[in-house]
Structure formats: C-alpha cells, structure tokens
C-alpha cells in the first residue's frame, strides 16, 4: 500500500468511526471536555458500559481519542489535530435534541 493509499484508508476509517450515531454522540461529549470517565459517558448516553466501551474502542482505533486507566475506570479525551478540527465542525452542527439530552445527563452524572 502506498503512502497515499494509507492516508486515504486512515481518513476513511475516521469518517467511518464518526458515521455511527453513538460514536458521534461520544465524540461530541468528549469535544466539550478535557477528559471524561467511561462511567460518565455511560450515564450520559444511557447505554450499557460494554456498548460505550466498544464504541470508544472504534474511536481509539481511528486515532480520534486516547485513553488512560485510573483505578478500575478508563478515561478518554480527544487526540490529535484532526480530532480537534473535526470537533469544531461537528459542534457547529450538533444542535439536535439528542445531543442536548446527552449533555444534560452528563452534567447530572458528573455532579452526583
């Protein structure tokens, strides 16, 4: 695979990762914070931890997020210039009710 083919493949993987509604919601939540625990992301999306972790793994494989372990929990943050630029674009268009509901649940989860 040539350098150009590899770059195209990597970019396709990024867009494929963001093409899933759950991963897009996760990406938007992470874009608004320095770092979030998977426990808070699970509460924000009202989805099982296994589902959230699986989707975060796809975002990680695409190079959009980075993880670190703190005790028994994983904490995630956006990673790289591309992720930051995409976050700005996505945030401009992320005014759907579901994103607002996620943000509201996240606030409740992080305050409690």
PDB file of N, CA and C in Angstrom:
ATOM      1  N   UNK A   1       0.849  -1.163   0.000  1.00  0.00           N
ATOM      2  CA  UNK A   1       0.000   0.000   0.000  1.00  0.00           C
ATOM      3  C   UNK A   1       0.901   1.234   0.000  1.00  0.00           C
ATOM      4  N   UNK A   2       0.658   2.143  -0.911  1.00  0.00           N
ATOM      5  CA  UNK A   2       1.462   3.355  -0.996  1.00  0.00           C
ATOM      6  C   UNK A   2       1.092   4.304   0.130  1.00  0.00           C
ATOM      7  N   UNK A   3       1.915   5.358   0.306  1.00  0.00           N
ATOM      8  CA  UNK A   3       1.642   6.357   1.334  1.00  0.00           C
ATOM      9  C   UNK A   3       0.299   7.031   1.144  1.00  0.00           C
ATOM     10  N   UNK A   4      -0.041   7.307  -0.121  1.00  0.00           N
ATOM     11  CA  UNK A   4      -1.320   7.944  -0.418  1.00  0.00           C
ATOM     12  C   UNK A   4      -2.470   7.009  -0.079  1.00  0.00           C
ATOM     13  N   UNK A   5      -2.334   5.731  -0.437  1.00  0.00           N
ATOM     14  CA  UNK A   5      -3.379   4.757  -0.124  1.00  0.00           C
ATOM     15  C   UNK A   5      -3.565   4.613   1.385  1.00  0.00           C
ATOM     16  N   UNK A   6      -2.462   4.622   2.127  1.00  0.00           N
ATOM     17  CA  UNK A   6      -2.537   4.502   3.582  1.00  0.00           C
ATOM     18  C   UNK A   6      -3.236   5.719   4.181  1.00  0.00           C
ATOM     19  N   UNK A   7      -2.935   6.897   3.688  1.00  0.00           N
ATOM     20  CA  UNK A   7      -3.571   8.118   4.194  1.00  0.00           C
ATOM     21  C   UNK A   7      -5.066   8.107   3.886  1.00  0.00           C
ATOM     22  N   UNK A   8      -5.420   7.667   2.680  1.00  0.00           N
ATOM     23  CA  UNK A   8      -6.840   7.588   2.319  1.00  0.00           C
ATOM     24  C   UNK A   8      -7.563   6.568   3.189  1.00  0.00           C
ATOM     25  N   UNK A   9      -6.915   5.464   3.449  1.00  0.00           N
ATOM     26  CA  UNK A   9      -7.516   4.430   4.287  1.00  0.00           C
ATOM     27  C   UNK A   9      -7.709   4.937   5.714  1.00  0.00           C
ATOM     28  N   UNK A  10      -6.722   5.647   6.249  1.00  0.00           N
ATOM     29  CA  UNK A  10      -6.826   6.190   7.603  1.00  0.00           C
ATOM     30  C   UNK A  10      -7.948   7.215   7.690  1.00  0.00           C
ATOM     31  N   UNK A  11      -8.062   8.068   6.676  1.00  0.00           N
ATOM     32  CA  UNK A  11      -9.118   9.076   6.675  1.00  0.00           C
ATOM     33  C   UNK A  11     -10.494   8.421   6.550  1.00  0.00           C
ATOM     34  N   UNK A  12     -10.587   7.386   5.729  1.00  0.00           N
ATOM     35  CA  UNK A  12     -11.856   6.655   5.601  1.00  0.00           C
ATOM     36  C   UNK A  12     -12.238   6.023   6.934  1.00  0.00           C
ATOM     37  N   UNK A  13     -11.246   5.514   7.672  1.00  0.00           N
ATOM     38  CA  UNK A  13     -11.514   4.915   8.979  1.00  0.00           C
ATOM     39  C   UNK A  13     -12.052   5.970   9.956  1.00  0.00           C
ATOM     40  N   UNK A  14     -11.532   7.192   9.888  1.00  0.00           N
ATOM     41  CA  UNK A  14     -12.013   8.275  10.750  1.00  0.00           C
ATOM     42  C   UNK A  14     -13.480   8.571  10.463  1.00  0.00           C
ATOM     43  N   UNK A  15     -13.810   8.730   9.179  1.00  0.00           N
ATOM     44  CA  UNK A  15     -15.189   9.056   8.838  1.00  0.00           C
ATOM     45  C   UNK A  15     -16.135   7.892   9.099  1.00  0.00           C
ATOM     46  N   UNK A  16     -15.646   6.680   8.934  1.00  0.00           N
ATOM     47  CA  UNK A  16     -16.470   5.517   9.259  1.00  0.00           C
ATOM     48  C   UNK A  16     -16.747   5.483  10.762  1.00  0.00           C
ATOM     49  N   UNK A  17     -15.742   5.815  11.555  1.00  0.00           N
ATOM     50  CA  UNK A  17     -15.919   5.840  13.008  1.00  0.00           C
ATOM     51  C   UNK A  17     -16.954   6.877  13.414  1.00  0.00           C
ATOM     52  N   UNK A  18     -16.920   8.041  12.789  1.00  0.00           N
ATOM     53  CA  UNK A  18     -17.870   9.103  13.134  1.00  0.00           C
ATOM     54  C   UNK A  18     -19.226   8.909  12.476  1.00  0.00           C
ATOM     55  N   UNK A  19     -19.323   7.960  11.555  1.00  0.00           N
ATOM     56  CA  UNK A  19     -20.566   7.716  10.839  1.00  0.00           C
ATOM     57  C   UNK A  19     -21.618   6.989  11.661  1.00  0.00           C
ATOM     58  N   UNK A  20     -21.240   6.465  12.807  1.00  0.00           N
ATOM     59  CA  UNK A  20     -22.185   5.776  13.680  1.00  0.00           C
ATOM     60  C   UNK A  20     -22.762   6.791  14.669  1.00  0.00           C
ATOM     61  N   UNK A  21     -24.082   6.823  14.855  1.00  0.00           N
ATOM     62  CA  UNK A  21     -24.693   7.814  15.751  1.00  0.00           C
ATOM     63  C   UNK A  21     -24.175   7.777  17.195  1.00  0.00           C
ATOM     64  N   UNK A  22     -23.942   6.590  17.739  1.00  0.00           N
ATOM     65  CA  UNK A  22     -23.447   6.502  19.116  1.00  0.00           C
ATOM     66  C   UNK A  22     -22.035   7.073  19.200  1.00  0.00           C
ATOM     67  N   UNK A  23     -21.190   6.727  18.240  1.00  0.00           N
ATOM     68  CA  UNK A  23     -19.816   7.247  18.261  1.00  0.00           C
ATOM     69  C   UNK A  23     -19.791   8.757  18.038  1.00  0.00           C
ATOM     70  N   UNK A  24     -20.687   9.251  17.231  1.00  0.00           N
ATOM     71  CA  UNK A  24     -20.760  10.694  17.024  1.00  0.00           C
ATOM     72  C   UNK A  24     -21.171  11.392  18.325  1.00  0.00           C
ATOM     73  N   UNK A  25     -22.121  10.822  19.038  1.00  0.00           N
ATOM     74  CA  UNK A  25     -22.537  11.384  20.320  1.00  0.00           C
ATOM     75  C   UNK A  25     -21.387  11.363  21.328  1.00  0.00           C
ATOM     76  N   UNK A  26     -20.644  10.261  21.375  1.00  0.00           N
ATOM     77  CA  UNK A  26     -19.479  10.179  22.259  1.00  0.00           C
ATOM     78  C   UNK A  26     -18.442  11.234  21.896  1.00  0.00           C
ATOM     79  N   UNK A  27     -18.189  11.362  20.605  1.00  0.00           N
ATOM     80  CA  UNK A  27     -17.202  12.325  20.118  1.00  0.00           C
ATOM     81  C   UNK A  27     -17.600  13.747  20.530  1.00  0.00           C
ATOM     82  N   UNK A  28     -18.875  14.074  20.397  1.00  0.00           N
ATOM     83  CA  UNK A  28     -19.347  15.406  20.782  1.00  0.00           C
ATOM     84  C   UNK A  28     -19.200  15.650  22.284  1.00  0.00           C
ATOM     85  N   UNK A  29     -19.514  14.655  23.097  1.00  0.00           N
ATOM     86  CA  UNK A  29     -19.335  14.812  24.537  1.00  0.00           C
ATOM     87  C   UNK A  29     -17.871  15.031  24.892  1.00  0.00           C
ATOM     88  N   UNK A  30     -17.001  14.269  24.276  1.00  0.00           N
ATOM     89  CA  UNK A  30     -15.571  14.410  24.543  1.00  0.00           C
ATOM     90  C   UNK A  30     -15.040  15.751  24.041  1.00  0.00           C
ATOM     91  N   UNK A  31     -15.605  16.237  22.953  1.00  0.00           N
ATOM     92  CA  UNK A  31     -15.159  17.510  22.390  1.00  0.00           C
ATOM     93  C   UNK A  31     -15.410  18.665  23.344  1.00  0.00           C
ATOM     94  N   UNK A  32     -16.382  18.517  24.213  1.00  0.00           N
ATOM     95  CA  UNK A  32     -16.716  19.587  25.137  1.00  0.00           C
ATOM     96  C   UNK A  32     -16.006  19.509  26.476  1.00  0.00           C
ATOM     97  N   UNK A  33     -15.099  18.538  26.638  1.00  0.00           N
ATOM     98  CA  UNK A  33     -14.433  18.329  27.927  1.00  0.00           C
ATOM     99  C   UNK A  33     -12.976  17.936  27.717  1.00  0.00           C
ATOM    100  N   UNK A  34     -12.160  18.216  28.719  1.00  0.00           N
ATOM    101  CA  UNK A  34     -10.759  17.805  28.641  1.00  0.00           C
ATOM    102  C   UNK A  34     -10.637  16.294  28.659  1.00  0.00           C
ATOM    103  N   UNK A  35     -11.397  15.668  29.548  1.00  0.00           N
ATOM    104  CA  UNK A  35     -11.321  14.218  29.721  1.00  0.00           C
ATOM    105  C   UNK A  35     -12.580  13.763  30.444  1.00  0.00           C
ATOM    106  N   UNK A  36     -13.070  12.577  30.074  1.00  0.00           N
ATOM    107  CA  UNK A  36     -14.260  12.023  30.717  1.00  0.00           C
ATOM    108  C   UNK A  36     -14.057  10.549  31.030  1.00  0.00           C
ATOM    109  N   UNK A  37     -14.581  10.145  32.170  1.00  0.00           N
ATOM    110  CA  UNK A  37     -14.568   8.749  32.577  1.00  0.00           C
ATOM    111  C   UNK A  37     -15.627   7.989  31.790  1.00  0.00           C
ATOM    112  N   UNK A  38     -15.344   6.749  31.476  1.00  0.00           N
ATOM    113  CA  UNK A  38     -16.328   5.931  30.771  1.00  0.00           C
ATOM    114  C   UNK A  38     -17.601   5.795  31.602  1.00  0.00           C
ATOM    115  N   UNK A  39     -17.488   5.866  32.914  1.00  0.00           N
ATOM    116  CA  UNK A  39     -18.684   5.790  33.765  1.00  0.00           C
ATOM    117  C   UNK A  39     -19.608   6.981  33.509  1.00  0.00           C
ATOM    118  N   UNK A  40     -19.047   8.148  33.287  1.00  0.00           N
ATOM    119  CA  UNK A  40     -19.858   9.332  32.991  1.00  0.00           C
ATOM    120  C   UNK A  40     -20.426   9.279  31.570  1.00  0.00           C
ATOM    121  N   UNK A  41     -19.643   8.764  30.646  1.00  0.00           N
ATOM    122  CA  UNK A  41     -20.130   8.629  29.270  1.00  0.00           C
ATOM    123  C   UNK A  41     -21.276   7.627  29.198  1.00  0.00           C
ATOM    124  N   UNK A  42     -21.182   6.569  29.979  1.00  0.00           N
ATOM    125  CA  UNK A  42     -22.246   5.564  30.042  1.00  0.00           C
ATOM    126  C   UNK A  42     -23.537   6.193  30.562  1.00  0.00           C
ATOM    127  N   UNK A  43     -23.417   6.993  31.606  1.00  0.00           N
ATOM    128  CA  UNK A  43     -24.593   7.676  32.165  1.00  0.00           C
ATOM    129  C   UNK A  43     -25.160   8.688  31.173  1.00  0.00           C
ATOM    130  N   UNK A  44     -24.287   9.401  30.498  1.00  0.00           N
ATOM    131  CA  UNK A  44     -24.731  10.444  29.563  1.00  0.00           C
ATOM    132  C   UNK A  44     -25.502   9.854  28.385  1.00  0.00           C
ATOM    133  N   UNK A  45     -25.064   8.709  27.885  1.00  0.00           N
ATOM    134  CA  UNK A  45     -25.723   8.111  26.739  1.00  0.00           C
ATOM    135  C   UNK A  45     -26.828   7.141  27.133  1.00  0.00           C
ATOM    136  N   UNK A  46     -26.920   6.829  28.417  1.00  0.00           N
ATOM    137  CA  UNK A  46     -27.909   5.867  28.918  1.00  0.00           C
ATOM    138  C   UNK A  46     -27.798   4.539  28.170  1.00  0.00           C
ATOM    139  N   UNK A  47     -26.549   4.092  28.033  1.00  0.00           N
ATOM    140  CA  UNK A  47     -26.256   2.832  27.363  1.00  0.00           C
ATOM    141  C   UNK A  47     -25.383   1.980  28.276  1.00  0.00           C
ATOM    142  N   UNK A  48     -25.375   0.656  28.074  1.00  0.00           N
ATOM    143  CA  UNK A  48     -24.519  -0.212  28.892  1.00  0.00           C
ATOM    144  C   UNK A  48     -23.041   0.120  28.702  1.00  0.00           C
ATOM    145  N   UNK A  49     -22.276  -0.104  29.762  1.00  0.00           N
ATOM    146  CA  UNK A  49     -20.839   0.179  29.727  1.00  0.00           C
ATOM    147  C   UNK A  49     -20.143  -0.586  28.598  1.00  0.00           C
ATOM    148  N   UNK A  50     -20.554  -1.822  28.357  1.00  0.00           N
ATOM    149  CA  UNK A  50     -19.914  -2.619  27.310  1.00  0.00           C
ATOM    150  C   UNK A  50     -20.124  -1.997  25.928  1.00  0.00           C
ATOM    151  N   UNK A  51     -21.304  -1.454  25.694  1.00  0.00           N
ATOM    152  CA  UNK A  51     -21.601  -0.802  24.413  1.00  0.00           C
ATOM    153  C   UNK A  51     -20.769   0.459  24.249  1.00  0.00           C
ATOM    154  N   UNK A  52     -20.720   1.271  25.288  1.00  0.00           N
ATOM    155  CA  UNK A  52     -19.946   2.515  25.236  1.00  0.00           C
ATOM    156  C   UNK A  52     -18.468   2.201  25.037  1.00  0.00           C
ATOM    157  N   UNK A  53     -17.945   1.232  25.765  1.00  0.00           N
ATOM    158  CA  UNK A  53     -16.531   0.873  25.639  1.00  0.00           C
ATOM    159  C   UNK A  53     -16.200   0.367  24.242  1.00  0.00           C
ATOM    160  N   UNK A  54     -17.096  -0.421  23.669  1.00  0.00           N
ATOM    161  CA  UNK A  54     -16.870  -0.931  22.310  1.00  0.00           C
ATOM    162  C   UNK A  54     -16.775   0.226  21.318  1.00  0.00           C
ATOM    163  N   UNK A  55     -17.681   1.185  21.425  1.00  0.00           N
ATOM    164  CA  UNK A  55     -17.670   2.332  20.514  1.00  0.00           C
ATOM    165  C   UNK A  55     -16.443   3.226  20.749  1.00  0.00           C
ATOM    166  N   UNK A  56     -16.039   3.371  21.998  1.00  0.00           N
ATOM    167  CA  UNK A  56     -14.830   4.141  22.281  1.00  0.00           C
ATOM    168  C   UNK A  56     -13.606   3.449  21.686  1.00  0.00           C
ATOM    169  N   UNK A  57     -13.609   2.127  21.675  1.00  0.00           N
ATOM    170  CA  UNK A  57     -12.513   1.385  21.053  1.00  0.00           C
ATOM    171  C   UNK A  57     -12.394   1.675  19.565  1.00  0.00           C
ATOM    172  N   UNK A  58     -13.519   1.808  18.889  1.00  0.00           N
ATOM    173  CA  UNK A  58     -13.509   2.144  17.461  1.00  0.00           C
ATOM    174  C   UNK A  58     -12.944   3.550  17.266  1.00  0.00           C
ATOM    175  N   UNK A  59     -13.367   4.487  18.103  1.00  0.00           N
ATOM    176  CA  UNK A  59     -12.824   5.853  18.018  1.00  0.00           C
ATOM    177  C   UNK A  59     -11.330   5.862  18.302  1.00  0.00           C
ATOM    178  N   UNK A  60     -10.905   5.008  19.221  1.00  0.00           N
ATOM    179  CA  UNK A  60      -9.477   4.909  19.548  1.00  0.00           C
ATOM    180  C   UNK A  60      -8.687   4.333  18.373  1.00  0.00           C
ATOM    181  N   UNK A  61      -9.222   3.295  17.746  1.00  0.00           N
ATOM    182  CA  UNK A  61      -8.554   2.693  16.588  1.00  0.00           C
ATOM    183  C   UNK A  61      -8.436   3.676  15.433  1.00  0.00           C
ATOM    184  N   UNK A  62      -9.407   4.577  15.324  1.00  0.00           N
ATOM    185  CA  UNK A  62      -9.373   5.587  14.268  1.00  0.00           C
ATOM    186  C   UNK A  62      -8.426   6.733  14.615  1.00  0.00           C
ATOM    187  N   UNK A  63      -7.874   6.719  15.820  1.00  0.00           N
ATOM    188  CA  UNK A  63      -6.923   7.745  16.232  1.00  0.00           C
ATOM    189  C   UNK A  63      -7.563   9.032  16.722  1.00  0.00           C
ATOM    190  N   UNK A  64      -8.858   8.984  17.020  1.00  0.00           N
ATOM    191  CA  UNK A  64      -9.567  10.198  17.425  1.00  0.00           C
ATOM    192  C   UNK A  64      -9.556  10.429  18.930  1.00  0.00           C
ATOM    193  N   UNK A  65      -9.409   9.366  19.707  1.00  0.00           N
ATOM    194  CA  UNK A  65      -9.380   9.508  21.157  1.00  0.00           C
ATOM    195  C   UNK A  65      -8.201   8.745  21.737  1.00  0.00           C
ATOM    196  N   UNK A  66      -7.837   9.142  22.931  1.00  0.00           N
ATOM    197  CA  UNK A  66      -6.774   8.482  23.689  1.00  0.00           C
ATOM    198  C   UNK A  66      -7.361   8.114  25.042  1.00  0.00           C
ATOM    199  N   UNK A  67      -6.905   7.003  25.602  1.00  0.00           N
ATOM    200  CA  UNK A  67      -7.428   6.521  26.879  1.00  0.00           C
ATOM    201  C   UNK A  67      -6.309   6.398  27.900  1.00  0.00           C
ATOM    202  N   UNK A  68      -6.696   6.544  29.160  1.00  0.00           N
ATOM    203  CA  UNK A  68      -5.779   6.255  30.265  1.00  0.00           C
ATOM    204  C   UNK A  68      -6.584   5.596  31.376  1.00  0.00           C
ATOM    205  N   UNK A  69      -5.929   4.698  32.071  1.00  0.00           N
ATOM    206  CA  UNK A  69      -6.595   3.982  33.166  1.00  0.00           C
ATOM    207  C   UNK A  69      -6.332   4.739  34.467  1.00  0.00           C
ATOM    208  N   UNK A  70      -7.389   4.880  35.259  1.00  0.00           N
ATOM    209  CA  UNK A  70      -7.284   5.451  36.608  1.00  0.00           C
ATOM    210  C   UNK A  70      -8.086   4.531  37.523  1.00  0.00           C
ATOM    211  N   UNK A  71      -7.387   3.689  38.255  1.00  0.00           N
ATOM    212  CA  UNK A  71      -8.078   2.693  39.073  1.00  0.00           C
ATOM    213  C   UNK A  71      -8.762   1.681  38.174  1.00  0.00           C
ATOM    214  N   UNK A  72     -10.045   1.472  38.400  1.00  0.00           N
ATOM    215  CA  UNK A  72     -10.768   0.491  37.575  1.00  0.00           C
ATOM    216  C   UNK A  72     -11.407   1.115  36.346  1.00  0.00           C
ATOM    217  N   UNK A  73     -11.348   2.440  36.208  1.00  0.00           N
ATOM    218  CA  UNK A  73     -12.026   3.132  35.111  1.00  0.00           C
ATOM    219  C   UNK A  73     -11.053   3.641  34.060  1.00  0.00           C
ATOM    220  N   UNK A  74     -11.565   3.680  32.842  1.00  0.00           N
ATOM    221  CA  UNK A  74     -10.815   4.283  31.743  1.00  0.00           C
ATOM    222  C   UNK A  74     -11.327   5.709  31.552  1.00  0.00           C
ATOM    223  N   UNK A  75     -10.420   6.605  31.261  1.00  0.00           N
ATOM    224  CA  UNK A  75     -10.751   8.000  30.995  1.00  0.00           C
ATOM    225  C   UNK A  75     -10.336   8.311  29.564  1.00  0.00           C
ATOM    226  N   UNK A  76     -11.186   9.039  28.860  1.00  0.00           N
ATOM    227  CA  UNK A  76     -10.964   9.306  27.438  1.00  0.00           C
ATOM    228  C   UNK A  76     -10.905  10.799  27.168  1.00  0.00           C
ATOM    229  N   UNK A  77     -10.121  11.133  26.146  1.00  0.00           N
ATOM    230  CA  UNK A  77     -10.018  12.506  25.668  1.00  0.00           C
ATOM    231  C   UNK A  77      -9.792  12.472  24.168  1.00  0.00           C
ATOM    232  N   UNK A  78     -10.126  13.574  23.504  1.00  0.00           N
ATOM    233  CA  UNK A  78      -9.825  13.663  22.077  1.00  0.00           C
ATOM    234  C   UNK A  78      -8.320  13.643  21.896  1.00  0.00           C
ATOM    235  N   UNK A  79      -7.891  13.157  20.745  1.00  0.00           N
ATOM    236  CA  UNK A  79      -6.459  13.043  20.484  1.00  0.00           C
ATOM    237  C   UNK A  79      -6.135  13.542  19.082  1.00  0.00           C
ATOM    238  N   UNK A  80      -5.209  14.448  19.006  1.00  0.00           N
ATOM    239  CA  UNK A  80      -4.666  14.863  17.716  1.00  0.00           C
ATOM    240  C   UNK A  80      -5.344  16.081  17.112  1.00  0.00           C
ATOM    241  N   UNK A  81      -4.632  16.670  16.177  1.00  0.00           N
ATOM    242  CA  UNK A  81      -5.105  17.869  15.483  1.00  0.00           C
ATOM    243  C   UNK A  81      -6.359  17.591  14.669  1.00  0.00           C
ATOM    244  N   UNK A  82      -6.401  16.457  13.992  1.00  0.00           N
ATOM    245  CA  UNK A  82      -7.583  16.130  13.185  1.00  0.00           C
ATOM    246  C   UNK A  82      -8.828  16.041  14.068  1.00  0.00           C
ATOM    247  N   UNK A  83      -8.704  15.396  15.225  1.00  0.00           N
ATOM    248  CA  UNK A  83      -9.842  15.280  16.134  1.00  0.00           C
ATOM    249  C   UNK A  83     -10.306  16.663  16.587  1.00  0.00           C
ATOM    250  N   UNK A  84      -9.378  17.545  16.888  1.00  0.00           N
ATOM    251  CA  UNK A  84      -9.739  18.898  17.324  1.00  0.00           C
ATOM    252  C   UNK A  84     -10.454  19.656  16.208  1.00  0.00           C
ATOM    253  N   UNK A  85      -9.964  19.526  14.998  1.00  0.00           N
ATOM    254  CA  UNK A  85     -10.596  20.221  13.875  1.00  0.00           C
ATOM    255  C   UNK A  85     -11.976  19.654  13.572  1.00  0.00           C
ATOM    256  N   UNK A  86     -12.093  18.335  13.610  1.00  0.00           N
ATOM    257  CA  UNK A  86     -13.396  17.704  13.380  1.00  0.00           C
ATOM    258  C   UNK A  86     -14.385  18.060  14.495  1.00  0.00           C
ATOM    259  N   UNK A  87     -13.891  18.153  15.715  1.00  0.00           N
ATOM    260  CA  UNK A  87     -14.760  18.507  16.839  1.00  0.00           C
ATOM    261  C   UNK A  87     -15.375  19.880  16.625  1.00  0.00           C
ATOM    262  N   UNK A  88     -14.598  20.817  16.110  1.00  0.00           N
ATOM    263  CA  UNK A  88     -15.121  22.160  15.850  1.00  0.00           C
ATOM    264  C   UNK A  88     -16.216  22.114  14.791  1.00  0.00           C
ATOM    265  N   UNK A  89     -16.009  21.323  13.752  1.00  0.00           N
ATOM    266  CA  UNK A  89     -17.007  21.209  12.688  1.00  0.00           C
ATOM    267  C   UNK A  89     -18.262  20.517  13.203  1.00  0.00           C
ATOM    268  N   UNK A  90     -18.086  19.425  13.903  1.00  0.00           N
ATOM    269  CA  UNK A  90     -19.229  18.658  14.407  1.00  0.00           C
ATOM    270  C   UNK A  90     -20.022  19.482  15.422  1.00  0.00           C
ATOM    271  N   UNK A  91     -19.328  20.214  16.280  1.00  0.00           N
ATOM    272  CA  UNK A  91     -20.013  21.016  17.297  1.00  0.00           C
ATOM    273  C   UNK A  91     -20.902  22.082  16.663  1.00  0.00           C
ATOM    274  N   UNK A  92     -20.498  22.610  15.531  1.00  0.00           N
ATOM    275  CA  UNK A  92     -21.309  23.614  14.836  1.00  0.00           C
ATOM    276  C   UNK A  92     -22.640  23.041  14.370  1.00  0.00           C
ATOM    277  N   UNK A  93     -22.664  21.745  14.106  1.00  0.00           N
ATOM    278  CA  UNK A  93     -23.863  21.110  13.556  1.00  0.00           C
ATOM    279  C   UNK A  93     -24.533  20.173  14.547  1.00  0.00           C
ATOM    280  N   UNK A  94     -24.054  20.135  15.781  1.00  0.00           N
ATOM    281  CA  UNK A  94     -24.565  19.200  16.776  1.00  0.00           C
ATOM    282  C   UNK A  94     -25.627  19.788  17.671  1.00  0.00           C
ATOM    283  N   UNK A  95     -26.639  20.392  17.093  1.00  0.00           N
ATOM    284  CA  UNK A  95     -27.684  21.023  17.897  1.00  0.00           C
ATOM    285  C   UNK A  95     -28.953  20.182  17.976  1.00  0.00           C
ATOM    286  N   UNK A  96     -28.862  18.911  17.704  1.00  0.00           N
ATOM    287  CA  UNK A  96     -30.028  18.028  17.783  1.00  0.00           C
ATOM    288  C   UNK A  96     -30.406  17.808  19.241  1.00  0.00           C
ATOM    289  N   UNK A  97     -31.661  17.520  19.462  1.00  0.00           N
ATOM    290  CA  UNK A  97     -32.170  17.311  20.824  1.00  0.00           C
ATOM    291  C   UNK A  97     -31.421  16.195  21.543  1.00  0.00           C
ATOM    292  N   UNK A  98     -31.042  15.143  20.816  1.00  0.00           N
ATOM    293  CA  UNK A  98     -30.354  14.023  21.460  1.00  0.00           C
ATOM    294  C   UNK A  98     -29.020  14.475  22.049  1.00  0.00           C
ATOM    295  N   UNK A  99     -28.321  15.389  21.401  1.00  0.00           N
ATOM    296  CA  UNK A  99     -27.051  15.886  21.925  1.00  0.00           C
ATOM    297  C   UNK A  99     -27.282  16.712  23.186  1.00  0.00           C
ATOM    298  N   UNK A 100     -28.350  17.493  23.213  1.00  0.00           N
ATOM    299  CA  UNK A 100     -28.683  18.270  24.402  1.00  0.00           C
ATOM    300  C   UNK A 100     -29.046  17.348  25.565  1.00  0.00           C
ATOM    301  N   UNK A 101     -29.784  16.290  25.266  1.00  0.00           N
ATOM    302  CA  UNK A 101     -30.154  15.331  26.314  1.00  0.00           C
ATOM    303  C   UNK A 101     -28.912  14.642  26.872  1.00  0.00           C
ATOM    304  N   UNK A 102     -27.981  14.255  25.987  1.00  0.00           N
ATOM    305  CA  UNK A 102     -26.724  13.638  26.426  1.00  0.00           C
ATOM    306  C   UNK A 102     -25.965  14.592  27.351  1.00  0.00           C
ATOM    307  N   UNK A 103     -25.867  15.849  26.939  1.00  0.00           N
ATOM    308  CA  UNK A 103     -25.140  16.841  27.734  1.00  0.00           C
ATOM    309  C   UNK A 103     -25.790  17.028  29.099  1.00  0.00           C
ATOM    310  N   UNK A 104     -27.115  17.042  29.138  1.00  0.00           N
ATOM    311  CA  UNK A 104     -27.825  17.177  30.413  1.00  0.00           C
ATOM    312  C   UNK A 104     -27.560  15.998  31.335  1.00  0.00           C
ATOM    313  N   UNK A 105     -27.604  14.790  30.775  1.00  0.00           N
ATOM    314  CA  UNK A 105     -27.316  13.606  31.602  1.00  0.00           C
ATOM    315  C   UNK A 105     -25.868  13.607  32.074  1.00  0.00           C
ATOM    316  N   UNK A 106     -24.963  14.088  31.233  1.00  0.00           N
ATOM    317  CA  UNK A 106     -23.553  14.152  31.618  1.00  0.00           C
ATOM    318  C   UNK A 106     -23.358  15.108  32.798  1.00  0.00           C
ATOM    319  N   UNK A 107     -24.005  16.243  32.736  1.00  0.00           N
ATOM    320  CA  UNK A 107     -23.908  17.206  33.843  1.00  0.00           C
ATOM    321  C   UNK A 107     -24.407  16.562  35.133  1.00  0.00           C
ATOM    322  N   UNK A 108     -25.531  15.892  35.068  1.00  0.00           N
ATOM    323  CA  UNK A 108     -26.073  15.231  36.265  1.00  0.00           C
ATOM    324  C   UNK A 108     -25.132  14.142  36.763  1.00  0.00           C
ATOM    325  N   UNK A 109     -24.520  13.396  35.860  1.00  0.00           N
ATOM    326  CA  UNK A 109     -23.628  12.301  36.240  1.00  0.00           C
ATOM    327  C   UNK A 109     -22.338  12.814  36.886  1.00  0.00           C
ATOM    328  N   UNK A 110     -21.826  13.917  36.389  1.00  0.00           N
ATOM    329  CA  UNK A 110     -20.553  14.429  36.919  1.00  0.00           C
ATOM    330  C   UNK A 110     -20.741  15.231  38.207  1.00  0.00           C
ATOM    331  N   UNK A 111     -21.965  15.674  38.467  1.00  0.00           N
ATOM    332  CA  UNK A 111     -22.228  16.410  39.706  1.00  0.00           C
ATOM    333  C   UNK A 111     -22.595  15.495  40.858  1.00  0.00           C
ATOM    334  N   UNK A 112     -23.041  14.308  40.523  1.00  0.00           N
ATOM    335  CA  UNK A 112     -23.530  13.389  41.561  1.00  0.00           C
ATOM    336  C   UNK A 112     -22.507  12.491  42.032  1.00  0.00           C
TER     337      UNK A 112
END
